[in-house]
Amino acid sequence: MQWYYSKNGVQLGPISDNEIRMKLASGEISATDLVWRDGMNDWLPAAKVADLTPLSAFPVARSTTPPVFANGGDSPYSPPTVAYSPMAGGTAIPNYLWQSIVVTLFCCWPFGIPAIVYAAKVDTLRARGDIAGALAASSSAKTWCLVSVGAIVAVGVLWLIFVGIAAATSH
């Protein structure tokens, strides 16, 4: 679960459940600081979020009255937009990992190894929210898979030509 929080008018995060609990316990995040996670309709003071209570988790009891903002709403922030797979439109980013492993084992390992390296980066980049980087890594993994298959096909064709020429000249 990824949390976002507001400190001194600055939106921060994402941080994990453990990180937000540690920040609450240390006082870095106070009971009145606004927090949000996926599934919440709006930002709320940390003291009002059931997942983060009991209030004994907060070191100093400050006023739990939520601040009033100039726009009249509960929060000056809208929920963060987090780009995880599937992307907008429901399309997942393929990582081509199994294809990379197959071409490395059965075809051409010098071209398969870069395919595996790029394929392994896709999910990590997507999880960080770097959709452009994940798409680029996915594209590179696919390219190296195709280069590997193309190399083995070219070697096979050259071998058939060589065998055909050798058979024709031996008669």
C-alpha atoms as a PDB file:
ATOM      1  CA  MET A   1       0.000   0.000   0.000  1.00  0.00           C
ATOM      2  CA  GLN A   2       1.457   3.355  -1.024  1.00  0.00           C
ATOM      3  CA  TRP A   3       0.681   6.484   1.028  1.00  0.00           C
ATOM      4  CA  TYR A   4       1.005  10.166   0.192  1.00  0.00           C
ATOM      5  CA  TYR A   5       1.085  12.935   2.777  1.00  0.00           C
ATOM      6  CA  SER A   6       1.150  16.712   2.981  1.00  0.00           C
ATOM      7  CA  LYS A   7       3.744  18.535   5.063  1.00  0.00           C
ATOM      8  CA  ASN A   8       3.918  22.347   5.156  1.00  0.00           C
ATOM      9  CA  GLY A   9       1.783  22.605   2.031  1.00  0.00           C
ATOM     10  CA  VAL A  10       3.966  20.186   0.033  1.00  0.00           C
ATOM     11  CA  GLN A  11       2.634  16.874  -1.244  1.00  0.00           C
ATOM     12  CA  LEU A  12       5.103  14.049  -0.516  1.00  0.00           C
ATOM     13  CA  GLY A  13       5.244  10.322  -1.212  1.00  0.00           C
ATOM     14  CA  PRO A  14       4.620   7.637  -2.126  1.00  0.00           C
ATOM     15  CA  ILE A  15       5.783   5.791   0.991  1.00  0.00           C
ATOM     16  CA  SER A  16       4.947   2.331   2.326  1.00  0.00           C
ATOM     17  CA  ASP A  17       2.701   1.423   5.270  1.00  0.00           C
ATOM     18  CA  ASN A  18       5.763   0.868   7.467  1.00  0.00           C
ATOM     19  CA  GLU A  19       7.322   4.184   6.468  1.00  0.00           C
ATOM     20  CA  ILE A  20       4.189   6.202   7.236  1.00  0.00           C
ATOM     21  CA  ARG A  21       3.807   4.487  10.621  1.00  0.00           C
ATOM     22  CA  MET A  22       7.457   5.255  11.467  1.00  0.00           C
ATOM     23  CA  LYS A  23       6.989   8.902  10.433  1.00  0.00           C
ATOM     24  CA  LEU A  24       3.835   9.111  12.570  1.00  0.00           C
ATOM     25  CA  ALA A  25       5.583   7.537  15.559  1.00  0.00           C
ATOM     26  CA  SER A  26       8.573   9.873  15.252  1.00  0.00           C
ATOM     27  CA  GLY A  27       6.372  12.955  14.891  1.00  0.00           C
ATOM     28  CA  GLU A  28       7.608  13.727  11.379  1.00  0.00           C
ATOM     29  CA  ILE A  29       3.961  13.392  10.311  1.00  0.00           C
ATOM     30  CA  SER A  30       1.507  14.885  12.823  1.00  0.00           C
ATOM     31  CA  ALA A  31      -2.119  13.965  13.525  1.00  0.00           C
ATOM     32  CA  THR A  32      -3.294  17.002  11.537  1.00  0.00           C
ATOM     33  CA  ASP A  33      -1.130  16.397   8.464  1.00  0.00           C
ATOM     34  CA  LEU A  34      -3.208  15.249   5.511  1.00  0.00           C
ATOM     35  CA  VAL A  35      -2.720  11.714   4.140  1.00  0.00           C
ATOM     36  CA  TRP A  36      -4.094   9.808   1.153  1.00  0.00           C
ATOM     37  CA  ARG A  37      -3.827   6.332  -0.366  1.00  0.00           C
ATOM     38  CA  ASP A  38      -5.526   4.570  -3.237  1.00  0.00           C
ATOM     39  CA  GLY A  39      -9.107   3.770  -2.259  1.00  0.00           C
ATOM     40  CA  MET A  40      -9.663   6.953  -0.243  1.00  0.00           C
ATOM     41  CA  ASN A  41     -12.066   9.541  -1.670  1.00  0.00           C
ATOM     42  CA  ASP A  42     -10.176  12.549  -0.350  1.00  0.00           C
ATOM     43  CA  TRP A  43      -7.215  13.623   1.736  1.00  0.00           C
ATOM     44  CA  LEU A  44      -7.818  13.332   5.491  1.00  0.00           C
ATOM     45  CA  PRO A  45      -5.931  14.322   8.634  1.00  0.00           C
ATOM     46  CA  ALA A  46      -3.843  11.317   9.722  1.00  0.00           C
ATOM     47  CA  ALA A  47      -5.775  11.099  13.013  1.00  0.00           C
ATOM     48  CA  LYS A  48      -9.014  10.492  11.093  1.00  0.00           C
ATOM     49  CA  VAL A  49      -7.704   7.531   9.070  1.00  0.00           C
ATOM     50  CA  ALA A  50      -8.710   4.251  10.704  1.00  0.00           C
ATOM     51  CA  ASP A  51      -5.698   2.404   9.221  1.00  0.00           C
ATOM     52  CA  LEU A  52      -3.345   4.795  11.019  1.00  0.00           C
ATOM     53  CA  THR A  53      -5.007   4.927  14.436  1.00  0.00           C
ATOM     54  CA  PRO A  54      -4.992   4.505  17.447  1.00  0.00           C
ATOM     55  CA  LEU A  55      -4.118   8.077  18.305  1.00  0.00           C
ATOM     56  CA  SER A  56      -1.528   6.751  20.751  1.00  0.00           C
ATOM     57  CA  ALA A  57       0.601   6.274  17.654  1.00  0.00           C
ATOM     58  CA  PHE A  58       0.917  10.061  17.505  1.00  0.00           C
ATOM     59  CA  PRO A  59       3.595  11.346  19.886  1.00  0.00           C
ATOM     60  CA  VAL A  60       2.115  14.761  20.600  1.00  0.00           C
ATOM     61  CA  ALA A  61      -1.632  15.275  20.679  1.00  0.00           C
ATOM     62  CA  ARG A  62      -2.317  18.372  18.655  1.00  0.00           C
ATOM     63  CA  SER A  63      -5.665  19.690  17.589  1.00  0.00           C
ATOM     64  CA  THR A  64      -7.397  17.088  15.450  1.00  0.00           C
ATOM     65  CA  THR A  65      -9.697  19.681  13.941  1.00  0.00           C
ATOM     66  CA  PRO A  66      -9.061  19.576  10.213  1.00  0.00           C
ATOM     67  CA  PRO A  67      -7.806  22.827   8.729  1.00  0.00           C
ATOM     68  CA  VAL A  68     -10.181  24.987   6.714  1.00  0.00           C
ATOM     69  CA  PHE A  69      -8.842  25.785   3.266  1.00  0.00           C
ATOM     70  CA  ALA A  70      -9.453  28.898   1.218  1.00  0.00           C
ATOM     71  CA  ASN A  71     -11.343  26.943  -1.452  1.00  0.00           C
ATOM     72  CA  GLY A  72     -13.821  25.710   1.194  1.00  0.00           C
ATOM     73  CA  GLY A  73     -12.973  22.068   0.554  1.00  0.00           C
ATOM     74  CA  ASP A  74     -11.458  19.513   2.874  1.00  0.00           C
ATOM     75  CA  SER A  75      -8.152  19.413   1.032  1.00  0.00           C
ATOM     76  CA  PRO A  76      -6.024  21.606  -1.216  1.00  0.00           C
ATOM     77  CA  TYR A  77      -4.862  18.487  -3.086  1.00  0.00           C
ATOM     78  CA  SER A  78      -6.432  16.125  -5.505  1.00  0.00           C
ATOM     79  CA  PRO A  79      -5.511  12.437  -5.219  1.00  0.00           C
ATOM     80  CA  PRO A  80      -2.141  11.732  -6.847  1.00  0.00           C
ATOM     81  CA  THR A  81      -2.189  10.219 -10.269  1.00  0.00           C
ATOM     82  CA  VAL A  82      -0.089   7.094 -10.120  1.00  0.00           C
ATOM     83  CA  ALA A  83       0.711   5.366 -13.376  1.00  0.00           C
ATOM     84  CA  TYR A  84       0.787   1.645 -12.713  1.00  0.00           C
ATOM     85  CA  SER A  85       0.105  -1.165 -15.098  1.00  0.00           C
ATOM     86  CA  PRO A  86      -2.310  -1.530 -16.625  1.00  0.00           C
ATOM     87  CA  MET A  87      -1.814   1.844 -18.239  1.00  0.00           C
ATOM     88  CA  ALA A  88      -4.575   4.214 -19.144  1.00  0.00           C
ATOM     89  CA  GLY A  89      -6.822   2.379 -21.537  1.00  0.00           C
ATOM     90  CA  GLY A  90      -6.206  -0.924 -19.733  1.00  0.00           C
ATOM     91  CA  THR A  91      -3.163  -1.954 -21.760  1.00  0.00           C
ATOM     92  CA  ALA A  92      -0.408  -3.700 -19.811  1.00  0.00           C
ATOM     93  CA  ILE A  93       3.251  -3.150 -20.677  1.00  0.00           C
ATOM     94  CA  PRO A  94       4.747  -6.455 -21.876  1.00  0.00           C
ATOM     95  CA  ASN A  95       8.142  -7.266 -20.398  1.00  0.00           C
ATOM     96  CA  TYR A  96       9.186 -10.003 -22.911  1.00  0.00           C
ATOM     97  CA  LEU A  97      11.054 -11.849 -20.159  1.00  0.00           C
ATOM     98  CA  TRP A  98      10.097 -15.386 -21.099  1.00  0.00           C
ATOM     99  CA  GLN A  99      10.774 -14.675 -24.775  1.00  0.00           C
ATOM    100  CA  SER A 100      14.186 -13.267 -23.849  1.00  0.00           C
ATOM    101  CA  ILE A 101      15.047 -16.380 -21.858  1.00  0.00           C
ATOM    102  CA  VAL A 102      13.924 -18.702 -24.672  1.00  0.00           C
ATOM    103  CA  VAL A 103      15.970 -16.908 -27.345  1.00  0.00           C
ATOM    104  CA  THR A 104      18.978 -16.857 -25.021  1.00  0.00           C
ATOM    105  CA  LEU A 105      18.786 -20.586 -24.329  1.00  0.00           C
ATOM    106  CA  PHE A 106      17.866 -21.844 -27.795  1.00  0.00           C
ATOM    107  CA  CYS A 107      19.082 -19.266 -30.249  1.00  0.00           C
ATOM    108  CA  CYS A 108      21.717 -16.695 -29.831  1.00  0.00           C
ATOM    109  CA  TRP A 109      22.924 -15.852 -26.326  1.00  0.00           C
ATOM    110  CA  PRO A 110      24.990 -12.745 -27.260  1.00  0.00           C
ATOM    111  CA  PHE A 111      21.752 -11.057 -28.352  1.00  0.00           C
ATOM    112  CA  GLY A 112      19.523 -12.744 -25.766  1.00  0.00           C
ATOM    113  CA  ILE A 113      21.404 -11.398 -22.746  1.00  0.00           C
ATOM    114  CA  PRO A 114      20.623  -7.726 -23.509  1.00  0.00           C
ATOM    115  CA  ALA A 115      17.004  -8.787 -24.090  1.00  0.00           C
ATOM    116  CA  ILE A 116      16.892 -10.291 -20.575  1.00  0.00           C
ATOM    117  CA  VAL A 117      18.463  -7.168 -19.053  1.00  0.00           C
ATOM    118  CA  TYR A 118      15.890  -4.851 -20.649  1.00  0.00           C
ATOM    119  CA  ALA A 119      13.014  -7.249 -19.899  1.00  0.00           C
ATOM    120  CA  ALA A 120      13.982  -7.309 -16.213  1.00  0.00           C
ATOM    121  CA  LYS A 121      13.813  -3.497 -16.042  1.00  0.00           C
ATOM    122  CA  VAL A 122      10.231  -3.175 -17.314  1.00  0.00           C
ATOM    123  CA  ASP A 123       8.328  -4.136 -14.141  1.00  0.00           C
ATOM    124  CA  THR A 124      10.625  -2.150 -11.855  1.00  0.00           C
ATOM    125  CA  LEU A 125      10.253   1.005 -13.927  1.00  0.00           C
ATOM    126  CA  ARG A 126       6.488   0.535 -14.172  1.00  0.00           C
ATOM    127  CA  ALA A 127       6.238   0.093 -10.375  1.00  0.00           C
ATOM    128  CA  ARG A 128       8.173   3.350  -9.870  1.00  0.00           C
ATOM    129  CA  GLY A 129       5.669   5.108 -12.096  1.00  0.00           C
ATOM    130  CA  ASP A 130       8.173   5.624 -14.918  1.00  0.00           C
ATOM    131  CA  ILE A 131       5.846   4.555 -17.732  1.00  0.00           C
ATOM    132  CA  ALA A 132       8.013   6.117 -20.454  1.00  0.00           C
ATOM    133  CA  GLY A 133      11.063   4.233 -19.161  1.00  0.00           C
ATOM    134  CA  ALA A 134       9.082   0.989 -18.896  1.00  0.00           C
ATOM    135  CA  LEU A 135       7.844   1.385 -22.477  1.00  0.00           C
ATOM    136  CA  ALA A 136      11.386   2.071 -23.700  1.00  0.00           C
ATOM    137  CA  ALA A 137      12.764  -0.985 -21.857  1.00  0.00           C
ATOM    138  CA  SER A 138       9.920  -3.121 -23.228  1.00  0.00           C
ATOM    139  CA  SER A 139      10.659  -1.918 -26.749  1.00  0.00           C
ATOM    140  CA  SER A 140      14.383  -2.634 -26.335  1.00  0.00           C
ATOM    141  CA  ALA A 141      13.685  -6.140 -24.962  1.00  0.00           C
ATOM    142  CA  LYS A 142      11.430  -6.858 -27.949  1.00  0.00           C
ATOM    143  CA  THR A 143      14.042  -5.528 -30.376  1.00  0.00           C
ATOM    144  CA  TRP A 144      16.809  -7.723 -28.904  1.00  0.00           C
ATOM    145  CA  CYS A 145      14.506 -10.777 -29.022  1.00  0.00           C
ATOM    146  CA  LEU A 146      13.815 -10.108 -32.694  1.00  0.00           C
ATOM    147  CA  VAL A 147      17.523  -9.548 -33.427  1.00  0.00           C
ATOM    148  CA  SER A 148      18.310 -12.866 -31.747  1.00  0.00           C
ATOM    149  CA  VAL A 149      15.672 -14.732 -33.752  1.00  0.00           C
ATOM    150  CA  GLY A 150      16.809 -12.947 -36.924  1.00  0.00           C
ATOM    151  CA  ALA A 151      20.413 -13.973 -36.271  1.00  0.00           C
ATOM    152  CA  ILE A 152      19.542 -17.657 -35.858  1.00  0.00           C
ATOM    153  CA  VAL A 153      17.334 -17.577 -38.973  1.00  0.00           C
ATOM    154  CA  ALA A 154      20.160 -15.948 -40.963  1.00  0.00           C
ATOM    155  CA  VAL A 155      22.647 -18.585 -39.753  1.00  0.00           C
ATOM    156  CA  GLY A 156      20.153 -21.334 -40.703  1.00  0.00           C
ATOM    157  CA  VAL A 157      19.622 -19.904 -44.189  1.00  0.00           C
ATOM    158  CA  LEU A 158      23.378 -19.552 -44.745  1.00  0.00           C
ATOM    159  CA  TRP A 159      23.881 -23.142 -43.555  1.00  0.00           C
ATOM    160  CA  LEU A 160      21.215 -24.400 -46.006  1.00  0.00           C
ATOM    161  CA  ILE A 161      22.826 -22.463 -48.856  1.00  0.00           C
ATOM    162  CA  PHE A 162      26.241 -23.858 -47.936  1.00  0.00           C
ATOM    163  CA  VAL A 163      24.901 -27.432 -47.729  1.00  0.00           C
ATOM    164  CA  GLY A 164      23.072 -26.971 -51.029  1.00  0.00           C
ATOM    165  CA  ILE A 165      26.216 -25.691 -52.779  1.00  0.00           C
ATOM    166  CA  ALA A 166      28.321 -28.473 -51.278  1.00  0.00           C
ATOM    167  CA  ALA A 167      25.815 -31.100 -52.412  1.00  0.00           C
ATOM    168  CA  ALA A 168      25.620 -29.623 -55.932  1.00  0.00           C
ATOM    169  CA  THR A 169      29.392 -29.521 -56.386  1.00  0.00           C
ATOM    170  CA  SER A 170      29.993 -33.020 -55.048  1.00  0.00           C
ATOM    171  CA  HIS A 171      28.124 -34.708 -57.915  1.00  0.00           C
END
